[in-house]
N, C-alpha and C. Protein backbone atom coordinates (compact mmCIF):
# COMPACT_ATOMS: atom_id res chain seq x y z
N UNK A 1 9.03 109.68 106.92
CA UNK A 1 8.71 110.18 108.25
C UNK A 1 7.58 111.22 108.19
N UNK A 2 7.76 112.25 107.31
CA UNK A 2 6.73 113.28 107.19
C UNK A 2 5.45 112.71 106.58
N UNK A 3 5.60 111.71 105.72
CA UNK A 3 4.43 111.10 105.12
C UNK A 3 3.60 110.37 106.17
N UNK A 4 4.25 109.70 107.10
CA UNK A 4 3.54 109.03 108.19
C UNK A 4 2.80 110.04 109.07
N UNK A 5 3.47 111.14 109.38
CA UNK A 5 2.85 112.18 110.20
C UNK A 5 1.66 112.79 109.46
N UNK A 6 1.82 113.02 108.17
CA UNK A 6 0.73 113.57 107.37
C UNK A 6 -0.47 112.61 107.35
N UNK A 7 -0.21 111.31 107.21
CA UNK A 7 -1.29 110.33 107.22
C UNK A 7 -1.95 110.25 108.59
N UNK A 8 -1.16 110.36 109.65
CA UNK A 8 -1.71 110.31 110.99
C UNK A 8 -2.61 111.51 111.26
N UNK A 9 -2.20 112.68 110.81
CA UNK A 9 -2.96 113.90 111.08
C UNK A 9 -4.15 114.08 110.13
N UNK A 10 -4.26 113.26 109.10
CA UNK A 10 -5.37 113.38 108.17
C UNK A 10 -6.69 113.14 108.90
N UNK A 11 -7.63 114.09 108.80
CA UNK A 11 -8.93 113.98 109.44
C UNK A 11 -8.93 114.45 110.89
N UNK A 12 -7.79 114.93 111.36
CA UNK A 12 -7.71 115.44 112.72
C UNK A 12 -7.72 116.96 112.68
N UNK A 13 -8.01 117.58 113.82
CA UNK A 13 -8.25 119.02 113.85
C UNK A 13 -6.98 119.85 113.67
N UNK A 14 -5.93 119.55 114.38
CA UNK A 14 -4.71 120.35 114.29
C UNK A 14 -4.73 121.49 115.29
N UNK A 15 -3.96 122.52 115.02
CA UNK A 15 -3.82 123.63 115.96
C UNK A 15 -4.59 124.86 115.48
N UNK A 16 -5.01 125.68 116.44
CA UNK A 16 -5.70 126.93 116.13
C UNK A 16 -5.35 127.96 117.20
N UNK A 17 -6.07 129.06 117.23
CA UNK A 17 -5.76 130.15 118.16
C UNK A 17 -5.98 129.73 119.62
N UNK A 18 -7.02 128.94 119.88
CA UNK A 18 -7.26 128.48 121.25
C UNK A 18 -6.14 127.57 121.71
N UNK A 19 -5.67 126.68 120.84
CA UNK A 19 -4.54 125.82 121.20
C UNK A 19 -3.31 126.65 121.50
N UNK A 20 -3.06 127.66 120.69
CA UNK A 20 -1.91 128.53 120.93
C UNK A 20 -2.03 129.22 122.29
N UNK A 21 -3.22 129.71 122.61
CA UNK A 21 -3.44 130.37 123.91
C UNK A 21 -3.26 129.39 125.06
N UNK A 22 -3.72 128.15 124.88
CA UNK A 22 -3.56 127.14 125.92
C UNK A 22 -2.09 126.82 126.16
N UNK A 23 -1.32 126.68 125.09
CA UNK A 23 0.11 126.38 125.24
C UNK A 23 0.83 127.56 125.89
N UNK A 24 0.49 128.78 125.50
CA UNK A 24 1.11 129.96 126.11
C UNK A 24 0.77 130.03 127.59
N UNK A 25 -0.47 129.72 127.95
CA UNK A 25 -0.87 129.72 129.36
C UNK A 25 -0.10 128.65 130.14
N UNK A 26 0.08 127.48 129.54
CA UNK A 26 0.82 126.42 130.22
C UNK A 26 2.28 126.80 130.42
N UNK A 27 2.88 127.43 129.42
CA UNK A 27 4.28 127.86 129.54
C UNK A 27 4.39 128.96 130.60
N UNK A 28 3.43 129.88 130.62
CA UNK A 28 3.45 130.94 131.64
C UNK A 28 3.32 130.33 133.04
N UNK A 29 2.45 129.34 133.18
CA UNK A 29 2.33 128.68 134.48
C UNK A 29 3.60 127.94 134.87
N UNK A 30 4.29 127.38 133.89
CA UNK A 30 5.55 126.70 134.21
C UNK A 30 6.60 127.70 134.71
N UNK A 31 6.63 128.90 134.13
CA UNK A 31 7.55 129.93 134.63
C UNK A 31 7.16 130.38 136.03
N UNK A 32 5.87 130.52 136.28
CA UNK A 32 5.42 130.90 137.61
C UNK A 32 5.78 129.80 138.61
N UNK A 33 5.65 128.56 138.17
CA UNK A 33 5.91 127.43 139.05
C UNK A 33 7.40 127.26 139.36
N UNK A 34 8.27 127.84 138.56
CA UNK A 34 9.70 127.81 138.88
C UNK A 34 9.94 128.48 140.22
N UNK A 35 9.22 129.57 140.47
CA UNK A 35 9.40 130.31 141.72
C UNK A 35 8.45 129.84 142.82
N UNK A 36 7.23 129.45 142.45
CA UNK A 36 6.24 129.07 143.46
C UNK A 36 6.44 127.63 143.94
N UNK A 37 6.85 126.76 143.07
CA UNK A 37 7.03 125.33 143.38
C UNK A 37 5.78 124.73 144.03
N UNK A 38 4.67 124.88 143.32
CA UNK A 38 3.39 124.41 143.83
C UNK A 38 2.90 123.21 143.02
N UNK A 39 2.44 122.19 143.71
CA UNK A 39 1.91 121.01 143.05
C UNK A 39 0.61 121.33 142.33
N UNK A 40 -0.20 122.22 142.89
CA UNK A 40 -1.47 122.61 142.28
C UNK A 40 -1.24 123.29 140.93
N UNK A 41 -0.29 124.21 140.88
CA UNK A 41 0.03 124.89 139.62
C UNK A 41 0.54 123.89 138.60
N UNK A 42 1.35 122.94 139.04
CA UNK A 42 1.90 121.93 138.14
C UNK A 42 0.77 121.06 137.56
N UNK A 43 -0.19 120.68 138.39
CA UNK A 43 -1.31 119.87 137.90
C UNK A 43 -2.17 120.66 136.93
N UNK A 44 -2.42 121.92 137.23
CA UNK A 44 -3.19 122.77 136.30
C UNK A 44 -2.46 122.90 134.97
N UNK A 45 -1.15 123.06 135.02
CA UNK A 45 -0.35 123.16 133.80
C UNK A 45 -0.47 121.88 132.98
N UNK A 46 -0.39 120.72 133.62
CA UNK A 46 -0.51 119.44 132.91
C UNK A 46 -1.90 119.27 132.31
N UNK A 47 -2.93 119.68 133.02
CA UNK A 47 -4.30 119.57 132.50
C UNK A 47 -4.48 120.45 131.27
N UNK A 48 -3.93 121.67 131.32
CA UNK A 48 -4.03 122.57 130.17
C UNK A 48 -3.30 121.99 128.96
N UNK A 49 -2.11 121.46 129.18
CA UNK A 49 -1.35 120.87 128.06
C UNK A 49 -2.06 119.63 127.52
N UNK A 50 -2.62 118.80 128.40
CA UNK A 50 -3.35 117.61 127.94
C UNK A 50 -4.57 118.01 127.12
N UNK A 51 -5.28 119.05 127.54
CA UNK A 51 -6.43 119.52 126.78
C UNK A 51 -6.00 120.04 125.41
N UNK A 52 -4.87 120.75 125.35
CA UNK A 52 -4.37 121.27 124.07
C UNK A 52 -4.02 120.11 123.12
N UNK A 53 -3.36 119.09 123.66
CA UNK A 53 -3.01 117.93 122.83
C UNK A 53 -4.27 117.19 122.39
N UNK A 54 -5.23 117.03 123.29
CA UNK A 54 -6.50 116.38 122.95
C UNK A 54 -7.20 117.12 121.82
N UNK A 55 -7.25 118.46 121.91
CA UNK A 55 -7.89 119.25 120.87
C UNK A 55 -7.18 119.08 119.53
N UNK A 56 -5.84 119.04 119.58
CA UNK A 56 -5.06 118.96 118.34
C UNK A 56 -5.30 117.64 117.61
N UNK A 57 -5.43 116.54 118.35
CA UNK A 57 -5.58 115.23 117.72
C UNK A 57 -7.03 114.79 117.59
N UNK A 58 -7.95 115.66 117.95
CA UNK A 58 -9.37 115.32 117.91
C UNK A 58 -9.87 115.19 116.47
N UNK A 59 -10.82 114.29 116.30
CA UNK A 59 -11.47 114.13 115.00
C UNK A 59 -12.82 114.84 114.95
N UNK A 60 -13.24 115.44 116.05
CA UNK A 60 -14.50 116.18 116.11
C UNK A 60 -14.24 117.63 115.68
N UNK A 61 -14.12 117.81 114.41
CA UNK A 61 -13.69 119.10 113.86
C UNK A 61 -14.73 120.19 114.12
N UNK A 62 -16.00 119.90 113.96
CA UNK A 62 -17.04 120.92 114.16
C UNK A 62 -17.09 121.40 115.61
N UNK A 63 -16.91 120.48 116.55
CA UNK A 63 -16.90 120.87 117.96
C UNK A 63 -15.71 121.77 118.26
N UNK A 64 -14.53 121.41 117.72
CA UNK A 64 -13.33 122.23 117.94
C UNK A 64 -13.47 123.60 117.29
N UNK A 65 -14.13 123.67 116.14
CA UNK A 65 -14.36 124.96 115.49
C UNK A 65 -15.27 125.85 116.34
N UNK A 66 -16.31 125.25 116.94
CA UNK A 66 -17.20 126.02 117.81
C UNK A 66 -16.45 126.53 119.04
N UNK A 67 -15.60 125.67 119.63
CA UNK A 67 -14.80 126.09 120.79
C UNK A 67 -13.91 127.27 120.43
N UNK A 68 -13.25 127.18 119.27
CA UNK A 68 -12.35 128.24 118.84
C UNK A 68 -13.12 129.52 118.55
N UNK A 69 -14.30 129.40 117.95
CA UNK A 69 -15.12 130.58 117.66
C UNK A 69 -15.55 131.27 118.95
N UNK A 70 -15.95 130.50 119.95
CA UNK A 70 -16.33 131.08 121.24
C UNK A 70 -15.14 131.76 121.91
N UNK A 71 -13.97 131.13 121.83
CA UNK A 71 -12.76 131.73 122.38
C UNK A 71 -12.43 133.03 121.68
N UNK A 72 -12.52 133.05 120.36
CA UNK A 72 -12.18 134.26 119.61
C UNK A 72 -13.15 135.41 119.91
N UNK A 73 -14.42 135.10 120.15
CA UNK A 73 -15.35 136.18 120.48
C UNK A 73 -14.99 136.82 121.81
N UNK A 74 -14.58 136.02 122.78
CA UNK A 74 -14.15 136.56 124.07
C UNK A 74 -12.81 137.28 123.92
N UNK A 75 -11.90 136.68 123.17
CA UNK A 75 -10.56 137.25 122.99
C UNK A 75 -10.62 138.61 122.30
N UNK A 76 -11.51 138.78 121.33
CA UNK A 76 -11.63 140.05 120.64
C UNK A 76 -12.10 141.15 121.59
N UNK A 77 -12.99 140.83 122.51
CA UNK A 77 -13.45 141.82 123.48
C UNK A 77 -12.30 142.23 124.40
N UNK A 78 -11.50 141.27 124.84
CA UNK A 78 -10.36 141.57 125.70
C UNK A 78 -9.34 142.42 124.94
N UNK A 79 -9.07 142.04 123.71
CA UNK A 79 -8.10 142.78 122.90
C UNK A 79 -8.59 144.21 122.64
N UNK A 80 -9.87 144.37 122.35
CA UNK A 80 -10.44 145.69 122.10
C UNK A 80 -10.34 146.58 123.35
N UNK A 81 -10.54 145.99 124.53
CA UNK A 81 -10.41 146.73 125.77
C UNK A 81 -9.01 147.31 125.92
N UNK A 82 -7.98 146.51 125.65
CA UNK A 82 -6.61 146.99 125.79
C UNK A 82 -6.21 147.96 124.68
N UNK A 83 -6.78 147.79 123.50
CA UNK A 83 -6.52 148.76 122.42
C UNK A 83 -7.10 150.12 122.79
N UNK A 84 -8.29 150.11 123.38
CA UNK A 84 -8.90 151.37 123.81
C UNK A 84 -8.07 152.05 124.89
N UNK A 85 -7.56 151.29 125.83
CA UNK A 85 -6.70 151.86 126.87
C UNK A 85 -5.44 152.46 126.25
N UNK A 86 -4.85 151.75 125.30
CA UNK A 86 -3.65 152.25 124.63
C UNK A 86 -3.94 153.54 123.88
N UNK A 87 -5.07 153.59 123.18
CA UNK A 87 -5.43 154.80 122.44
C UNK A 87 -5.72 155.96 123.37
N UNK A 88 -6.38 155.70 124.48
CA UNK A 88 -6.64 156.78 125.45
C UNK A 88 -5.33 157.33 126.01
N UNK A 89 -4.39 156.46 126.27
CA UNK A 89 -3.10 156.92 126.79
C UNK A 89 -2.35 157.72 125.73
N UNK A 90 -2.42 157.27 124.49
CA UNK A 90 -1.74 157.96 123.41
C UNK A 90 -2.35 159.34 123.14
N UNK A 91 -3.67 159.48 123.33
CA UNK A 91 -4.38 160.73 123.06
C UNK A 91 -4.52 161.62 124.30
N UNK A 92 -3.88 161.29 125.39
CA UNK A 92 -4.13 161.98 126.66
C UNK A 92 -3.80 163.47 126.62
N UNK A 93 -2.91 163.91 125.74
CA UNK A 93 -2.54 165.33 125.69
C UNK A 93 -3.43 166.14 124.76
N UNK A 94 -4.06 165.49 123.80
CA UNK A 94 -4.84 166.22 122.80
C UNK A 94 -6.35 166.02 122.94
N UNK A 95 -6.78 164.96 123.62
CA UNK A 95 -8.21 164.66 123.72
C UNK A 95 -8.58 164.27 125.14
N UNK A 96 -9.86 164.42 125.44
CA UNK A 96 -10.42 164.00 126.71
C UNK A 96 -11.61 163.08 126.40
N UNK A 97 -11.79 162.06 127.23
CA UNK A 97 -12.88 161.10 127.03
C UNK A 97 -13.94 161.33 128.10
N UNK A 98 -15.20 161.44 127.66
CA UNK A 98 -16.32 161.64 128.57
C UNK A 98 -17.47 160.74 128.14
N UNK A 99 -18.38 160.51 129.06
CA UNK A 99 -19.56 159.70 128.76
C UNK A 99 -20.76 160.60 128.55
N UNK A 100 -21.60 160.22 127.61
CA UNK A 100 -22.85 160.93 127.39
C UNK A 100 -23.75 160.69 128.59
N UNK A 101 -24.34 161.75 129.16
CA UNK A 101 -25.20 161.55 130.34
C UNK A 101 -26.49 160.79 130.03
N UNK A 102 -26.90 160.77 128.76
CA UNK A 102 -28.15 160.12 128.39
C UNK A 102 -27.96 158.63 128.10
N UNK A 103 -27.06 158.32 127.16
CA UNK A 103 -26.92 156.93 126.71
C UNK A 103 -25.64 156.27 127.22
N UNK A 104 -24.79 156.99 127.92
CA UNK A 104 -23.53 156.49 128.50
C UNK A 104 -22.52 156.05 127.45
N UNK A 105 -22.65 156.57 126.23
CA UNK A 105 -21.67 156.28 125.18
C UNK A 105 -20.37 157.03 125.47
N UNK A 106 -19.24 156.43 125.13
CA UNK A 106 -17.94 157.06 125.35
C UNK A 106 -17.68 158.05 124.21
N UNK A 107 -17.40 159.30 124.55
CA UNK A 107 -17.16 160.34 123.55
C UNK A 107 -15.71 160.81 123.65
N UNK A 108 -15.09 161.04 122.50
CA UNK A 108 -13.72 161.54 122.44
C UNK A 108 -13.79 163.00 122.01
N UNK A 109 -13.41 163.91 122.91
CA UNK A 109 -13.51 165.33 122.65
C UNK A 109 -12.13 165.96 122.64
N UNK A 110 -11.96 166.97 121.78
CA UNK A 110 -10.68 167.68 121.76
C UNK A 110 -10.49 168.42 123.07
N UNK A 111 -9.25 168.47 123.51
CA UNK A 111 -8.93 169.13 124.77
C UNK A 111 -8.74 170.63 124.50
N UNK A 112 -9.84 171.37 124.53
CA UNK A 112 -9.84 172.82 124.36
C UNK A 112 -10.46 173.41 125.62
N UNK A 113 -9.74 174.30 126.29
CA UNK A 113 -10.21 174.85 127.56
C UNK A 113 -11.50 175.64 127.36
N UNK A 114 -12.33 175.58 128.40
CA UNK A 114 -13.58 176.34 128.38
C UNK A 114 -14.79 175.42 128.41
N UNK A 115 -15.95 176.03 128.27
CA UNK A 115 -17.20 175.29 128.25
C UNK A 115 -17.68 175.16 126.82
N UNK A 116 -18.08 173.95 126.44
CA UNK A 116 -18.46 173.67 125.05
C UNK A 116 -19.78 172.92 125.00
N UNK A 117 -20.49 173.12 123.91
CA UNK A 117 -21.70 172.35 123.64
C UNK A 117 -21.31 171.10 122.86
N UNK A 118 -21.84 169.96 123.27
CA UNK A 118 -21.51 168.67 122.64
C UNK A 118 -22.80 167.98 122.26
N UNK A 119 -22.81 167.35 121.07
CA UNK A 119 -23.95 166.56 120.63
C UNK A 119 -23.49 165.12 120.49
N UNK A 120 -24.16 164.22 121.17
CA UNK A 120 -23.79 162.80 121.14
C UNK A 120 -24.15 162.22 119.77
N UNK A 121 -23.21 161.59 119.08
CA UNK A 121 -23.51 161.02 117.77
C UNK A 121 -24.39 159.77 117.85
N UNK A 122 -24.45 159.15 119.02
CA UNK A 122 -25.22 157.92 119.15
C UNK A 122 -26.70 158.19 119.39
N UNK A 123 -26.99 159.06 120.38
CA UNK A 123 -28.41 159.31 120.74
C UNK A 123 -28.89 160.70 120.33
N UNK A 124 -27.99 161.60 119.98
CA UNK A 124 -28.37 162.93 119.53
C UNK A 124 -28.61 163.92 120.67
N UNK A 125 -28.35 163.52 121.89
CA UNK A 125 -28.54 164.43 123.04
C UNK A 125 -27.50 165.52 123.02
N UNK A 126 -27.92 166.72 123.39
CA UNK A 126 -27.00 167.84 123.45
C UNK A 126 -26.79 168.21 124.93
N UNK A 127 -25.53 168.46 125.30
CA UNK A 127 -25.20 168.84 126.67
C UNK A 127 -23.94 169.68 126.65
N UNK A 128 -23.63 170.30 127.78
CA UNK A 128 -22.48 171.19 127.90
C UNK A 128 -21.42 170.50 128.78
N UNK A 129 -20.17 170.69 128.37
CA UNK A 129 -19.05 170.16 129.16
C UNK A 129 -18.03 171.25 129.38
N UNK A 130 -17.36 171.17 130.50
CA UNK A 130 -16.30 172.10 130.82
C UNK A 130 -14.99 171.32 130.88
N UNK A 131 -14.06 171.74 130.04
CA UNK A 131 -12.77 171.05 129.98
C UNK A 131 -11.70 171.91 130.62
């Protein structure tokens, strides 16, 4: 049985991070559709699952690798955004975040009361901030 499956999958792409995200999205839509009972959501869910299965059994490995690479580049930006939000929330009592007026870079400054001189590490501009 496993030998037949192994022979069938030989030369096919298989699963990757994009496939996992597609399946998770389809499952999430199915949970939403339990309450919404919408035909449109059901059709979208089926299309997503069909695309995931198509990708898994595809023999165009280079194309699937490019799709996954493009997905990962977008996914990393989304993940980094939420990591930054988590870090800002965790540091809210000890640090304050401000933007450099020159280059708009995000700066993490210690939360010490008073007016302080700050030098931007990115552009080297010096400015004063009041915390």
